[in-house]
Each structure stands twice: as structure tokens, then as C-alpha cells.
């Protein structure tokens, strides 16, 4: 299960090692919790409110 920080790095693609580890895991084993999903959506909402 991916936490919010790791999921954020995957989305940004800013840490090669995180991407490499993700690619090594079978896709059916990659999951995020509803809490992580909510935190990411909240972060997007805040970002959109503060970006001119």
C-alpha cells in the first residue's frame, strides 16, 4: 500500500528510485488507501485555490 508521500513522488516523477521500485511491483499489488486518495484530492484542491 502506497502512502501519500510516495504516491506524490510517483505522480511528480521526481525520484528515480521510487519509480524503479514501482515498476518492479506487479500492478495488481499496487494500492492506495481511501485516506491517501482523500489527501491527494485535498492537496489538488488547495493548490488550485492558491494558484493564480
Foldseek 3Di string as FASTA:
>chain_A
DDALVLVVCVVVVPDVVSVVVVVVDPPVPDDDDPVSVVVVVVVVVVVVVPDD
